[in-house]
Amino acid sequence: MSAARFFVRGKVQGVWFRASTREQARALGLRGYAHNLDDGRVEVLAVGDAAAIASLAGWLEHGPPNARVGGVERLDADAGEAGGGFEIG
């Protein structure tokens, strides 16, 4: 089981980024969350198969059609931080 935390910057709030991330993560069988941060970034926690996390990481580089991703930072995370599904908040 792998876990990663991503911080996505750019035009990523108000463009369905979190909901689209949830769809992608669920399709990949990942648990975790996507949350808006006060500084305009989106924080994503992904827990599951390393290959699935890598696929999500690639998707985060572009996001949904209306997003304009300026960069993605990836950090190691603790798998215990995720609940049973993939949530947005």
PDB file of N, CA and C in Angstrom:
ATOM      1  N   MET A   1       0.843  -1.176   0.000  1.00  0.00           N
ATOM      2  CA  MET A   1       0.000   0.000   0.000  1.00  0.00           C
ATOM      3  C   MET A   1       0.885   1.235   0.000  1.00  0.00           C
ATOM      4  N   SER A   2       0.641   2.123  -0.927  1.00  0.00           N
ATOM      5  CA  SER A   2       1.399   3.365  -1.035  1.00  0.00           C
ATOM      6  C   SER A   2       0.498   4.541  -0.700  1.00  0.00           C
ATOM      7  N   ALA A   3       1.115   5.664  -0.363  1.00  0.00           N
ATOM      8  CA  ALA A   3       0.361   6.879  -0.070  1.00  0.00           C
ATOM      9  C   ALA A   3       1.172   8.088  -0.510  1.00  0.00           C
ATOM     10  N   ALA A   4       0.482   9.075  -1.072  1.00  0.00           N
ATOM     11  CA  ALA A   4       1.141  10.309  -1.506  1.00  0.00           C
ATOM     12  C   ALA A   4       0.198  11.482  -1.277  1.00  0.00           C
ATOM     13  N   ARG A   5       0.803  12.620  -0.956  1.00  0.00           N
ATOM     14  CA  ARG A   5       0.062  13.866  -0.797  1.00  0.00           C
ATOM     15  C   ARG A   5       0.535  14.810  -1.916  1.00  0.00           C
ATOM     16  N   PHE A   6      -0.423  15.417  -2.572  1.00  0.00           N
ATOM     17  CA  PHE A   6      -0.131  16.337  -3.668  1.00  0.00           C
ATOM     18  C   PHE A   6      -0.676  17.716  -3.330  1.00  0.00           C
ATOM     19  N   PHE A   7       0.066  18.741  -3.707  1.00  0.00           N
ATOM     20  CA  PHE A   7      -0.395  20.117  -3.619  1.00  0.00           C
ATOM     21  C   PHE A   7      -0.389  20.665  -5.042  1.00  0.00           C
ATOM     22  N   VAL A   8      -1.585  20.986  -5.535  1.00  0.00           N
ATOM     23  CA  VAL A   8      -1.748  21.409  -6.924  1.00  0.00           C
ATOM     24  C   VAL A   8      -2.034  22.906  -6.934  1.00  0.00           C
ATOM     25  N   ARG A   9      -1.226  23.662  -7.692  1.00  0.00           N
ATOM     26  CA  ARG A   9      -1.428  25.114  -7.754  1.00  0.00           C
ATOM     27  C   ARG A   9      -1.819  25.535  -9.163  1.00  0.00           C
ATOM     28  N   GLY A  10      -2.331  26.727  -9.267  1.00  0.00           N
ATOM     29  CA  GLY A  10      -2.789  27.272 -10.537  1.00  0.00           C
ATOM     30  C   GLY A  10      -4.267  27.614 -10.426  1.00  0.00           C
ATOM     31  N   LYS A  11      -4.962  27.602 -11.543  1.00  0.00           N
ATOM     32  CA  LYS A  11      -6.417  27.819 -11.533  1.00  0.00           C
ATOM     33  C   LYS A  11      -7.066  26.457 -11.307  1.00  0.00           C
ATOM     34  N   VAL A  12      -7.178  26.103 -10.012  1.00  0.00           N
ATOM     35  CA  VAL A  12      -7.655  24.768  -9.655  1.00  0.00           C
ATOM     36  C   VAL A  12      -8.833  24.798  -8.678  1.00  0.00           C
ATOM     37  N   GLN A  13      -9.315  25.977  -8.352  1.00  0.00           N
ATOM     38  CA  GLN A  13     -10.511  26.090  -7.528  1.00  0.00           C
ATOM     39  C   GLN A  13     -11.614  26.716  -8.369  1.00  0.00           C
ATOM     40  N   GLY A  14     -12.828  26.216  -8.213  1.00  0.00           N
ATOM     41  CA  GLY A  14     -13.961  26.726  -8.969  1.00  0.00           C
ATOM     42  C   GLY A  14     -14.041  26.197 -10.388  1.00  0.00           C
ATOM     43  N   VAL A  15     -13.313  25.123 -10.688  1.00  0.00           N
ATOM     44  CA  VAL A  15     -13.293  24.546 -12.049  1.00  0.00           C
ATOM     45  C   VAL A  15     -13.560  23.037 -12.021  1.00  0.00           C
ATOM     46  N   TRP A  16     -14.231  22.564 -10.968  1.00  0.00           N
ATOM     47  CA  TRP A  16     -14.570  21.147 -10.804  1.00  0.00           C
ATOM     48  C   TRP A  16     -13.340  20.256 -10.615  1.00  0.00           C
ATOM     49  N   PHE A  17     -12.256  20.841 -10.117  1.00  0.00           N
ATOM     50  CA  PHE A  17     -11.025  20.076  -9.948  1.00  0.00           C
ATOM     51  C   PHE A  17     -11.198  18.968  -8.916  1.00  0.00           C
ATOM     52  N   ARG A  18     -11.767  19.282  -7.758  1.00  0.00           N
ATOM     53  CA  ARG A  18     -11.906  18.274  -6.697  1.00  0.00           C
ATOM     54  C   ARG A  18     -12.839  17.140  -7.116  1.00  0.00           C
ATOM     55  N   ALA A  19     -13.978  17.482  -7.708  1.00  0.00           N
ATOM     56  CA  ALA A  19     -14.933  16.454  -8.130  1.00  0.00           C
ATOM     57  C   ALA A  19     -14.331  15.570  -9.224  1.00  0.00           C
ATOM     58  N   SER A  20     -13.610  16.179 -10.146  1.00  0.00           N
ATOM     59  CA  SER A  20     -12.967  15.410 -11.213  1.00  0.00           C
ATOM     60  C   SER A  20     -11.857  14.527 -10.657  1.00  0.00           C
ATOM     61  N   THR A  21     -11.137  15.037  -9.667  1.00  0.00           N
ATOM     62  CA  THR A  21     -10.093  14.241  -9.017  1.00  0.00           C
ATOM     63  C   THR A  21     -10.717  13.034  -8.327  1.00  0.00           C
ATOM     64  N   ARG A  22     -11.844  13.241  -7.656  1.00  0.00           N
ATOM     65  CA  ARG A  22     -12.537  12.130  -7.005  1.00  0.00           C
ATOM     66  C   ARG A  22     -12.942  11.073  -8.025  1.00  0.00           C
ATOM     67  N   GLU A  23     -13.479  11.486  -9.158  1.00  0.00           N
ATOM     68  CA  GLU A  23     -13.859  10.524 -10.210  1.00  0.00           C
ATOM     69  C   GLU A  23     -12.651   9.718 -10.672  1.00  0.00           C
ATOM     70  N   GLN A  24     -11.545  10.401 -10.928  1.00  0.00           N
ATOM     71  CA  GLN A  24     -10.329   9.718 -11.372  1.00  0.00           C
ATOM     72  C   GLN A  24      -9.832   8.743 -10.309  1.00  0.00           C
ATOM     73  N   ALA A  25      -9.788   9.215  -9.058  1.00  0.00           N
ATOM     74  CA  ALA A  25      -9.273   8.385  -7.964  1.00  0.00           C
ATOM     75  C   ALA A  25     -10.148   7.148  -7.752  1.00  0.00           C
ATOM     76  N   ARG A  26     -11.444   7.338  -7.768  1.00  0.00           N
ATOM     77  CA  ARG A  26     -12.338   6.189  -7.584  1.00  0.00           C
ATOM     78  C   ARG A  26     -12.190   5.191  -8.720  1.00  0.00           C
ATOM     79  N   ALA A  27     -12.046   5.686  -9.953  1.00  0.00           N
ATOM     80  CA  ALA A  27     -11.860   4.791 -11.099  1.00  0.00           C
ATOM     81  C   ALA A  27     -10.564   3.987 -10.966  1.00  0.00           C
ATOM     82  N   LEU A  28      -9.575   4.560 -10.287  1.00  0.00           N
ATOM     83  CA  LEU A  28      -8.290   3.890 -10.086  1.00  0.00           C
ATOM     84  C   LEU A  28      -8.266   3.045  -8.809  1.00  0.00           C
ATOM     85  N   GLY A  29      -9.348   3.051  -8.048  1.00  0.00           N
ATOM     86  CA  GLY A  29      -9.415   2.266  -6.819  1.00  0.00           C
ATOM     87  C   GLY A  29      -8.665   2.875  -5.656  1.00  0.00           C
ATOM     88  N   LEU A  30      -8.506   4.195  -5.647  1.00  0.00           N
ATOM     89  CA  LEU A  30      -7.757   4.875  -4.597  1.00  0.00           C
ATOM     90  C   LEU A  30      -8.676   5.386  -3.497  1.00  0.00           C
ATOM     91  N   ARG A  31      -8.137   5.496  -2.299  1.00  0.00           N
ATOM     92  CA  ARG A  31      -8.803   6.140  -1.170  1.00  0.00           C
ATOM     93  C   ARG A  31      -8.105   7.465  -0.902  1.00  0.00           C
ATOM     94  N   GLY A  32      -8.791   8.371  -0.195  1.00  0.00           N
ATOM     95  CA  GLY A  32      -8.166   9.633   0.183  1.00  0.00           C
ATOM     96  C   GLY A  32      -9.127  10.786   0.106  1.00  0.00           C
ATOM     97  N   TYR A  33      -8.611  11.940  -0.300  1.00  0.00           N
ATOM     98  CA  TYR A  33      -9.449  13.131  -0.372  1.00  0.00           C
ATOM     99  C   TYR A  33      -8.825  14.191  -1.276  1.00  0.00           C
ATOM    100  N   ALA A  34      -9.654  15.174  -1.635  1.00  0.00           N
ATOM    101  CA  ALA A  34      -9.209  16.387  -2.326  1.00  0.00           C
ATOM    102  C   ALA A  34      -9.871  17.555  -1.619  1.00  0.00           C
ATOM    103  N   HIS A  35      -9.056  18.490  -1.105  1.00  0.00           N
ATOM    104  CA  HIS A  35      -9.562  19.637  -0.350  1.00  0.00           C
ATOM    105  C   HIS A  35      -9.021  20.933  -0.933  1.00  0.00           C
ATOM    106  N   ASN A  36      -9.856  21.964  -0.962  1.00  0.00           N
ATOM    107  CA  ASN A  36      -9.376  23.299  -1.283  1.00  0.00           C
ATOM    108  C   ASN A  36      -8.593  23.843  -0.100  1.00  0.00           C
ATOM    109  N   LEU A  37      -7.515  24.556  -0.370  1.00  0.00           N
ATOM    110  CA  LEU A  37      -6.749  25.234   0.664  1.00  0.00           C
ATOM    111  C   LEU A  37      -6.999  26.736   0.558  1.00  0.00           C
ATOM    112  N   ASP A  38      -6.814  27.439   1.657  1.00  0.00           N
ATOM    113  CA  ASP A  38      -7.069  28.881   1.689  1.00  0.00           C
ATOM    114  C   ASP A  38      -6.177  29.668   0.742  1.00  0.00           C
ATOM    115  N   ASP A  39      -5.018  29.130   0.385  1.00  0.00           N
ATOM    116  CA  ASP A  39      -4.094  29.853  -0.499  1.00  0.00           C
ATOM    117  C   ASP A  39      -4.369  29.612  -1.982  1.00  0.00           C
ATOM    118  N   GLY A  40      -5.473  28.928  -2.315  1.00  0.00           N
ATOM    119  CA  GLY A  40      -5.852  28.712  -3.713  1.00  0.00           C
ATOM    120  C   GLY A  40      -5.413  27.378  -4.288  1.00  0.00           C
ATOM    121  N   ARG A  41      -4.618  26.617  -3.539  1.00  0.00           N
ATOM    122  CA  ARG A  41      -4.200  25.300  -4.004  1.00  0.00           C
ATOM    123  C   ARG A  41      -5.239  24.255  -3.647  1.00  0.00           C
ATOM    124  N   VAL A  42      -5.089  23.063  -4.231  1.00  0.00           N
ATOM    125  CA  VAL A  42      -5.875  21.901  -3.853  1.00  0.00           C
ATOM    126  C   VAL A  42      -4.915  20.862  -3.294  1.00  0.00           C
ATOM    127  N   GLU A  43      -5.256  20.321  -2.133  1.00  0.00           N
ATOM    128  CA  GLU A  43      -4.483  19.244  -1.518  1.00  0.00           C
ATOM    129  C   GLU A  43      -5.176  17.925  -1.830  1.00  0.00           C
ATOM    130  N   VAL A  44      -4.405  16.957  -2.299  1.00  0.00           N
ATOM    131  CA  VAL A  44      -4.939  15.642  -2.644  1.00  0.00           C
ATOM    132  C   VAL A  44      -4.132  14.590  -1.882  1.00  0.00           C
ATOM    133  N   LEU A  45      -4.831  13.730  -1.165  1.00  0.00           N
ATOM    134  CA  LEU A  45      -4.212  12.568  -0.536  1.00  0.00           C
ATOM    135  C   LEU A  45      -4.685  11.345  -1.289  1.00  0.00           C
ATOM    136  N   ALA A  46      -3.761  10.524  -1.737  1.00  0.00           N
ATOM    137  CA  ALA A  46      -4.102   9.307  -2.482  1.00  0.00           C
ATOM    138  C   ALA A  46      -3.434   8.110  -1.826  1.00  0.00           C
ATOM    139  N   VAL A  47      -4.234   7.073  -1.555  1.00  0.00           N
ATOM    140  CA  VAL A  47      -3.743   5.862  -0.903  1.00  0.00           C
ATOM    141  C   VAL A  47      -4.197   4.660  -1.719  1.00  0.00           C
ATOM    142  N   GLY A  48      -3.262   3.755  -2.030  1.00  0.00           N
ATOM    143  CA  GLY A  48      -3.598   2.555  -2.778  1.00  0.00           C
ATOM    144  C   GLY A  48      -2.390   2.019  -3.515  1.00  0.00           C
ATOM    145  N   ASP A  49      -2.640   1.371  -4.617  1.00  0.00           N
ATOM    146  CA  ASP A  49      -1.595   0.785  -5.442  1.00  0.00           C
ATOM    147  C   ASP A  49      -0.673   1.878  -6.005  1.00  0.00           C
ATOM    148  N   ALA A  50       0.626   1.639  -5.972  1.00  0.00           N
ATOM    149  CA  ALA A  50       1.598   2.636  -6.434  1.00  0.00           C
ATOM    150  C   ALA A  50       1.376   3.019  -7.899  1.00  0.00           C
ATOM    151  N   ALA A  51       1.025   2.065  -8.740  1.00  0.00           N
ATOM    152  CA  ALA A  51       0.788   2.372 -10.162  1.00  0.00           C
ATOM    153  C   ALA A  51      -0.447   3.252 -10.329  1.00  0.00           C
ATOM    154  N   ALA A  52      -1.471   3.017  -9.504  1.00  0.00           N
ATOM    155  CA  ALA A  52      -2.679   3.843  -9.562  1.00  0.00           C
ATOM    156  C   ALA A  52      -2.372   5.265  -9.101  1.00  0.00           C
ATOM    157  N   ILE A  53      -1.558   5.401  -8.070  1.00  0.00           N
ATOM    158  CA  ILE A  53      -1.161   6.732  -7.607  1.00  0.00           C
ATOM    159  C   ILE A  53      -0.362   7.443  -8.688  1.00  0.00           C
ATOM    160  N   ALA A  54       0.510   6.722  -9.372  1.00  0.00           N
ATOM    161  CA  ALA A  54       1.283   7.322 -10.469  1.00  0.00           C
ATOM    162  C   ALA A  54       0.357   7.797 -11.587  1.00  0.00           C
ATOM    163  N   SER A  55      -0.682   7.027 -11.884  1.00  0.00           N
ATOM    164  CA  SER A  55      -1.648   7.438 -12.907  1.00  0.00           C
ATOM    165  C   SER A  55      -2.374   8.706 -12.480  1.00  0.00           C
ATOM    166  N   LEU A  56      -2.796   8.758 -11.224  1.00  0.00           N
ATOM    167  CA  LEU A  56      -3.455   9.962 -10.725  1.00  0.00           C
ATOM    168  C   LEU A  56      -2.505  11.155 -10.769  1.00  0.00           C
ATOM    169  N   ALA A  57      -1.249  10.929 -10.404  1.00  0.00           N
ATOM    170  CA  ALA A  57      -0.265  12.014 -10.432  1.00  0.00           C
ATOM    171  C   ALA A  57      -0.142  12.602 -11.837  1.00  0.00           C
ATOM    172  N   GLY A  58      -0.133  11.755 -12.841  1.00  0.00           N
ATOM    173  CA  GLY A  58      -0.076  12.241 -14.217  1.00  0.00           C
ATOM    174  C   GLY A  58      -1.310  13.041 -14.581  1.00  0.00           C
ATOM    175  N   TRP A  59      -2.480  12.591 -14.128  1.00  0.00           N
ATOM    176  CA  TRP A  59      -3.719  13.316 -14.413  1.00  0.00           C
ATOM    177  C   TRP A  59      -3.727  14.677 -13.719  1.00  0.00           C
ATOM    178  N   LEU A  60      -3.196  14.736 -12.484  1.00  0.00           N
ATOM    179  CA  LEU A  60      -3.163  15.990 -11.738  1.00  0.00           C
ATOM    180  C   LEU A  60      -2.351  17.071 -12.437  1.00  0.00           C
ATOM    181  N   GLU A  61      -1.411  16.679 -13.262  1.00  0.00           N
ATOM    182  CA  GLU A  61      -0.588  17.655 -13.997  1.00  0.00           C
ATOM    183  C   GLU A  61      -1.419  18.505 -14.948  1.00  0.00           C
ATOM    184  N   HIS A  62      -2.603  17.995 -15.328  1.00  0.00           N
ATOM    185  CA  HIS A  62      -3.468  18.720 -16.271  1.00  0.00           C
ATOM    186  C   HIS A  62      -4.837  19.013 -15.678  1.00  0.00           C
ATOM    187  N   GLY A  63      -5.400  18.067 -14.936  1.00  0.00           N
ATOM    188  CA  GLY A  63      -6.702  18.239 -14.325  1.00  0.00           C
ATOM    189  C   GLY A  63      -7.823  18.269 -15.352  1.00  0.00           C
ATOM    190  N   PRO A  64      -9.000  18.736 -14.939  1.00  0.00           N
ATOM    191  CA  PRO A  64     -10.145  18.802 -15.848  1.00  0.00           C
ATOM    192  C   PRO A  64      -9.968  19.934 -16.871  1.00  0.00           C
ATOM    193  N   PRO A  65     -10.804  19.969 -17.898  1.00  0.00           N
ATOM    194  CA  PRO A  65     -10.619  20.927 -18.998  1.00  0.00           C
ATOM    195  C   PRO A  65     -10.521  22.396 -18.591  1.00  0.00           C
ATOM    196  N   ASN A  66     -11.270  22.856 -17.597  1.00  0.00           N
ATOM    197  CA  ASN A  66     -11.247  24.274 -17.240  1.00  0.00           C
ATOM    198  C   ASN A  66     -10.121  24.658 -16.288  1.00  0.00           C
ATOM    199  N   ALA A  67      -9.379  23.691 -15.785  1.00  0.00           N
ATOM    200  CA  ALA A  67      -8.270  23.970 -14.871  1.00  0.00           C
ATOM    201  C   ALA A  67      -7.039  24.412 -15.660  1.00  0.00           C
ATOM    202  N   ARG A  68      -6.204  25.174 -14.989  1.00  0.00           N
ATOM    203  CA  ARG A  68      -4.903  25.563 -15.535  1.00  0.00           C
ATOM    204  C   ARG A  68      -3.877  25.277 -14.454  1.00  0.00           C
ATOM    205  N   VAL A  69      -3.339  24.071 -14.473  1.00  0.00           N
ATOM    206  CA  VAL A  69      -2.400  23.636 -13.437  1.00  0.00           C
ATOM    207  C   VAL A  69      -1.063  24.336 -13.633  1.00  0.00           C
ATOM    208  N   GLY A  70      -0.600  24.988 -12.556  1.00  0.00           N
ATOM    209  CA  GLY A  70       0.676  25.676 -12.594  1.00  0.00           C
ATOM    210  C   GLY A  70       1.815  24.843 -12.040  1.00  0.00           C
ATOM    211  N   GLY A  71       1.497  23.785 -11.334  1.00  0.00           N
ATOM    212  CA  GLY A  71       2.517  22.912 -10.775  1.00  0.00           C
ATOM    213  C   GLY A  71       1.923  21.960  -9.758  1.00  0.00           C
ATOM    214  N   VAL A  72       2.606  20.851  -9.548  1.00  0.00           N
ATOM    215  CA  VAL A  72       2.179  19.836  -8.594  1.00  0.00           C
ATOM    216  C   VAL A  72       3.376  19.447  -7.739  1.00  0.00           C
ATOM    217  N   GLU A  73       3.206  19.533  -6.430  1.00  0.00           N
ATOM    218  CA  GLU A  73       4.226  19.085  -5.493  1.00  0.00           C
ATOM    219  C   GLU A  73       3.758  17.760  -4.896  1.00  0.00           C
ATOM    220  N   ARG A  74       4.662  16.784  -4.846  1.00  0.00           N
ATOM    221  CA  ARG A  74       4.326  15.472  -4.289  1.00  0.00           C
ATOM    222  C   ARG A  74       5.170  15.201  -3.059  1.00  0.00           C
ATOM    223  N   LEU A  75       4.502  14.726  -1.997  1.00  0.00           N
ATOM    224  CA  LEU A  75       5.171  14.355  -0.759  1.00  0.00           C
ATOM    225  C   LEU A  75       4.720  12.957  -0.352  1.00  0.00           C
ATOM    226  N   ASP A  76       5.558  12.259   0.399  1.00  0.00           N
ATOM    227  CA  ASP A  76       5.144  10.983   0.964  1.00  0.00           C
ATOM    228  C   ASP A  76       4.066  11.243   2.005  1.00  0.00           C
ATOM    229  N   ALA A  77       3.187  10.285   2.203  1.00  0.00           N
ATOM    230  CA  ALA A  77       2.108  10.419   3.178  1.00  0.00           C
ATOM    231  C   ALA A  77       1.928   9.120   3.928  1.00  0.00           C
ATOM    232  N   ASP A  78       1.109   9.166   4.974  1.00  0.00           N
ATOM    233  CA  ASP A  78       0.776   8.018   5.788  1.00  0.00           C
ATOM    234  C   ASP A  78      -0.542   7.433   5.305  1.00  0.00           C
ATOM    235  N   ALA A  79      -0.558   6.166   4.947  1.00  0.00           N
ATOM    236  CA  ALA A  79      -1.767   5.523   4.436  1.00  0.00           C
ATOM    237  C   ALA A  79      -2.908   5.560   5.449  1.00  0.00           C
ATOM    238  N   GLY A  80      -2.594   5.673   6.739  1.00  0.00           N
ATOM    239  CA  GLY A  80      -3.613   5.703   7.759  1.00  0.00           C
ATOM    240  C   GLY A  80      -4.443   6.978   7.785  1.00  0.00           C
ATOM    241  N   GLU A  81      -4.036   7.992   7.024  1.00  0.00           N
ATOM    242  CA  GLU A  81      -4.774   9.249   7.002  1.00  0.00           C
ATOM    243  C   GLU A  81      -6.053   9.170   6.171  1.00  0.00           C
ATOM    244  N   ALA A  82      -6.157   8.184   5.295  1.00  0.00           N
ATOM    245  CA  ALA A  82      -7.314   8.072   4.410  1.00  0.00           C
ATOM    246  C   ALA A  82      -8.420   7.279   5.075  1.00  0.00           C
ATOM    247  N   GLY A  83      -9.637   7.672   4.778  1.00  0.00           N
ATOM    248  CA  GLY A  83     -10.791   6.909   5.247  1.00  0.00           C
ATOM    249  C   GLY A  83     -11.056   5.745   4.305  1.00  0.00           C
ATOM    250  N   GLY A  84     -12.314   5.343   4.230  1.00  0.00           N
ATOM    251  CA  GLY A  84     -12.672   4.179   3.437  1.00  0.00           C
ATOM    252  C   GLY A  84     -12.932   4.472   1.975  1.00  0.00           C
ATOM    253  N   GLY A  85     -13.069   5.723   1.601  1.00  0.00           N
ATOM    254  CA  GLY A  85     -13.366   6.068   0.207  1.00  0.00           C
ATOM    255  C   GLY A  85     -12.519   7.238  -0.238  1.00  0.00           C
ATOM    256  N   PHE A  86     -13.017   7.969  -1.211  1.00  0.00           N
ATOM    257  CA  PHE A  86     -12.331   9.172  -1.654  1.00  0.00           C
ATOM    258  C   PHE A  86     -13.321  10.324  -1.537  1.00  0.00           C
ATOM    259  N   GLU A  87     -12.996  11.289  -0.696  1.00  0.00           N
ATOM    260  CA  GLU A  87     -13.915  12.372  -0.360  1.00  0.00           C
ATOM    261  C   GLU A  87     -13.403  13.713  -0.869  1.00  0.00           C
ATOM    262  N   ILE A  88     -14.319  14.648  -1.006  1.00  0.00           N
ATOM    263  CA  ILE A  88     -13.921  16.025  -1.308  1.00  0.00           C
ATOM    264  C   ILE A  88     -14.416  16.921  -0.187  1.00  0.00           C
ATOM    265  N   GLY A  89     -13.719  18.000   0.022  1.00  0.00           N
ATOM    266  CA  GLY A  89     -14.100  18.916   1.091  1.00  0.00           C
ATOM    267  C   GLY A  89     -13.568  20.296   0.852  1.00  0.00           C
TER     268      GLY A  89
END
